[in-house]
Protein backbone atom coordinates (compact mmCIF):
# COMPACT_ATOMS: atom_id res chain seq x y z
CA MET A 1 105.53 66.09 91.75
CA ALA A 2 107.31 67.93 88.92
CA GLU A 3 104.37 70.34 88.53
CA ARG A 4 104.37 71.05 92.26
CA ARG A 5 108.10 71.72 92.17
CA ILE A 6 107.75 74.16 89.24
CA ARG A 7 105.02 76.04 91.08
CA GLY A 8 107.23 76.18 94.14
CA LEU A 9 110.14 77.61 92.16
CA THR A 10 107.84 80.16 90.51
CA GLY A 11 106.50 81.24 93.87
CA LEU A 12 110.02 81.55 95.25
CA GLN A 13 111.04 83.76 92.31
CA GLN A 14 108.00 85.98 92.88
CA ALA A 15 108.89 86.30 96.54
CA PHE A 16 112.43 87.40 95.69
CA ASP A 17 111.09 89.89 93.15
CA GLU A 18 108.69 91.40 95.68
CA VAL A 19 111.54 91.92 98.12
CA GLU A 20 113.88 93.41 95.49
CA PHE A 21 111.46 95.60 93.55
CA GLY A 22 108.25 95.91 95.55
CA ALA A 23 104.91 96.91 94.08
CA SER A 24 105.98 100.46 93.30
CA ARG A 25 108.83 99.35 90.99
CA THR A 26 106.95 96.53 89.27
CA LEU A 27 104.71 96.90 86.21
CA ASN A 28 102.62 93.78 85.70
CA LEU A 29 101.17 93.74 82.18
CA ARG A 30 100.33 90.06 82.34
CA THR A 31 97.30 90.54 84.60
CA SER A 32 95.57 93.26 82.53
CA LEU A 33 96.13 91.68 79.07
CA PRO A 34 96.55 94.97 77.17
CA THR A 35 96.68 95.27 73.39
CA ALA A 36 100.06 95.94 71.78
CA SER A 37 99.37 99.68 71.47
CA GLU A 38 98.10 99.92 75.06
CA ALA A 39 101.15 98.04 76.31
CA ALA A 40 103.49 100.37 74.38
CA ARG A 41 101.86 103.46 75.90
CA ARG A 42 101.91 102.05 79.41
CA VAL A 43 105.53 100.89 79.27
CA ASP A 44 106.70 104.19 77.76
CA ALA A 45 104.86 106.38 80.30
CA TRP A 46 105.73 104.15 83.27
CA LEU A 47 109.47 104.07 82.49
CA ARG A 48 109.60 107.84 81.90
CA GLN A 49 107.88 108.38 85.24
CA HIS A 50 110.32 106.13 87.08
CA GLN A 51 113.28 107.82 85.40
CA ALA A 52 112.06 111.12 86.85
CA GLN A 53 111.69 109.41 90.23
CA GLN A 54 115.26 108.05 90.01
CA SER A 55 114.01 104.52 90.66
CA GLY A 56 117.19 102.82 89.48
CA SER A 57 116.13 99.39 88.24
CA VAL A 58 112.54 98.26 87.75
CA LEU A 59 110.73 95.04 86.83
CA ILE A 60 108.28 94.69 83.93
CA ILE A 61 106.22 91.51 83.72
CA THR A 62 104.98 90.77 80.20
CA GLY A 63 104.09 87.11 80.38
CA ARG A 64 105.51 84.39 78.15
CA GLY A 65 102.65 84.25 75.65
CA ASN A 66 101.72 80.63 76.31
CA ASN A 67 98.10 81.41 75.43
CA SER A 68 98.95 83.79 72.57
CA GLU A 69 98.65 82.97 68.91
CA GLY A 70 101.74 81.06 67.84
CA GLY A 71 102.93 81.02 71.45
CA VAL A 72 104.50 84.46 71.02
CA SER A 73 103.64 87.20 73.52
CA VAL A 74 102.67 90.34 71.61
CA VAL A 75 103.08 92.35 74.81
CA ARG A 76 106.58 90.97 75.29
CA GLU A 77 107.65 91.79 71.72
CA THR A 78 106.08 95.26 71.92
CA SER A 79 107.85 95.95 75.21
CA ILE A 80 111.20 95.01 73.70
CA ARG A 81 110.62 97.50 70.86
CA VAL A 82 109.79 100.21 73.39
CA PHE A 83 112.95 99.37 75.38
CA HIS A 84 115.11 99.85 72.28
CA GLU A 85 113.43 103.17 71.48
CA LEU A 86 113.77 104.49 75.03
CA ARG A 87 117.41 103.46 75.14
CA ARG A 88 118.05 105.63 72.06
CA LYS A 89 116.18 108.47 73.77
CA GLY A 90 118.26 108.28 76.95
CA VAL A 91 115.43 107.05 79.17
CA ILE A 92 116.92 103.64 79.96
CA ILE A 93 120.48 102.36 80.02
CA GLU A 94 119.84 98.68 79.44
CA PHE A 95 117.33 95.88 79.82
CA SER A 96 117.73 92.17 80.33
CA GLU A 97 115.48 89.13 80.49
CA HIS A 98 114.80 88.34 84.12
CA THR A 99 112.59 85.32 83.57
CA ALA A 100 110.91 83.96 80.45
CA GLY A 101 108.09 86.44 81.06
CA SER A 102 109.74 89.46 82.66
CA PHE A 103 112.52 92.03 82.21
CA VAL A 104 114.69 94.08 84.51
CA VAL A 105 115.16 97.59 83.12
CA THR A 106 117.90 99.94 84.32
CA LEU A 107 116.89 103.58 84.06
CA ALA A 108 119.22 106.31 82.85
CA PRO A 109 119.77 109.54 84.80
CA MET A 110 117.55 112.44 83.74
CA SER A 111 120.53 114.22 82.20
CA ALA A 112 120.91 111.39 79.65
CA MET A 113 117.36 111.91 78.41
CA LEU A 114 117.83 115.69 78.23
CA GLU A 115 121.12 115.39 76.38
CA ALA A 116 119.61 112.89 73.94
CA GLY A 117 116.82 115.36 73.28
CA SER A 118 119.35 118.09 72.67
CA ARG A 119 121.19 115.93 70.12
CA ARG A 120 117.94 115.15 68.30
CA ARG A 121 117.08 118.85 68.22
CA GLU A 122 120.44 119.67 66.64
CA GLN A 123 119.92 117.01 63.98
CA THR A 124 116.28 117.91 63.28
CA PRO A 125 115.22 121.44 64.33
CA GLN A 126 111.87 121.38 66.08
CA ALA A 127 109.48 124.05 67.29
CA ALA A 128 109.37 124.86 70.97
CA PRO A 129 106.69 122.91 72.85
CA ALA A 130 103.25 124.51 72.82
CA SER A 131 102.68 124.06 76.56
CA PRO A 132 103.15 126.14 78.58
CA PRO A 133 102.57 129.00 76.08
CA THR A 134 105.04 131.09 78.05
CA LEU A 135 107.30 130.36 80.98
CA SER A 136 105.30 132.88 83.01
CA ALA A 137 102.56 130.21 83.25
CA LEU A 138 104.83 128.35 85.70
CA ASP A 139 105.31 129.17 89.38
CA GLU A 140 108.26 131.38 90.19
CA ASP A 141 110.04 128.58 92.07
CA THR A 142 109.61 126.28 89.07
CA ARG A 143 110.98 128.92 86.69
CA LYS A 144 114.03 129.43 88.90
CA LEU A 145 114.78 125.71 88.98
CA LEU A 146 114.21 125.42 85.25
CA ARG A 147 116.50 128.37 84.56
CA ALA A 148 119.26 126.86 86.72
CA LEU A 149 118.91 123.54 84.89
CA ALA A 150 119.03 125.30 81.51
CA GLU A 151 122.21 127.12 82.56
CA HIS A 152 123.81 123.81 83.53
CA SER A 153 122.70 122.25 80.25
CA LEU A 154 124.12 125.07 78.14
CA ASP A 155 127.33 125.07 80.16
CA ALA A 156 127.68 121.35 79.44
CA LEU A 157 127.42 122.17 75.72
CA GLY A 158 130.31 124.63 76.11
CA MET A 159 128.30 127.78 75.37
CA ARG A 160 130.01 130.87 76.73
CA ASP A 161 127.23 133.34 75.90
CA ARG A 162 124.18 131.37 77.01
CA GLU A 163 121.71 134.24 77.54
CA PRO A 164 120.35 134.34 73.94
CA PHE A 165 119.59 130.61 74.11
CA LEU A 166 118.35 130.43 77.69
CA GLU A 167 114.59 130.76 77.20
CA ASN A 168 114.48 128.27 74.33
CA GLU A 169 116.53 125.84 76.41
CA MET A 170 114.13 126.27 79.33
CA LEU A 171 111.18 125.53 77.02
CA ARG A 172 112.96 122.49 75.58
CA LEU A 173 113.76 121.14 79.02
CA PHE A 174 110.22 121.76 80.19
CA GLY A 175 108.83 119.83 77.22
CA SER A 176 111.16 116.89 77.84
CA ILE A 177 110.56 116.68 81.58
CA ALA A 178 106.82 117.34 81.46
CA ALA A 179 106.47 114.37 79.11
CA THR A 180 107.60 112.10 81.95
CA LEU A 181 104.78 113.21 84.26
CA ASP A 182 101.21 111.99 84.16
CA ASP A 183 98.30 114.32 84.77
CA GLY A 184 97.00 114.57 88.28
CA PRO A 185 97.25 116.57 91.48
CA ASP A 186 100.47 118.35 92.44
CA ARG A 187 101.80 118.10 88.88
CA GLU A 188 103.93 121.22 89.23
CA ARG A 189 105.37 119.98 92.51
CA ARG A 190 106.29 116.74 90.75
CA LEU A 191 107.73 118.79 87.90
CA ARG A 192 110.02 120.61 90.35
CA ALA A 193 111.10 117.28 91.85
CA ALA A 194 111.98 115.99 88.37
CA ILE A 195 113.93 119.17 87.57
CA ALA A 196 115.80 118.81 90.86
CA ALA A 197 116.59 115.19 89.98
CA ALA A 198 118.02 116.32 86.64
CA MET A 199 120.05 119.02 88.40
CA SER A 200 121.62 116.45 90.70
CA ASP A 201 123.07 114.67 87.66
CA TYR A 202 125.17 117.72 86.85
CA ASP A 203 126.57 118.07 90.41
């Protein structure tokens, strides 16, 4: 009877989660049993993608580690480390344990990630990203959006004469935003959507 009741409660929780988050905002790592490094890559890429999509809050299912060595879920512990890192990088705002084997993660606006990248650049100067080799490799519409975002970003830093810094800022922003997008069709269209999402944070 107790086992049946536990299963019933688990099923009820899953039903609520499906209504609240849906398949598109749920990452289930428990079913694929990834290694720690695979889990870290998937969680990092998936959260960056959903930040660009302005998904708000998402659900990550790690499992409790009942069948893991020592009863500790390596995927769960790895995910927590990634959460802390992405919070420092402005990708997420916070995370909290939802159940013993899952977390709700609240994503930060795109501007938080871009500003965090700007602070890191000031502390540790870095070379401009290698791709694209020049901004001319982008479509004209993409360059216009990227330029407008760079102007907003420099204005937010209080720069009065932004022209000398504009191209480097465009390259920096491109590198930060492109890192949130996976390869695939319509990548530049998705890049423009992510730039537009970042622009909306400044309005």
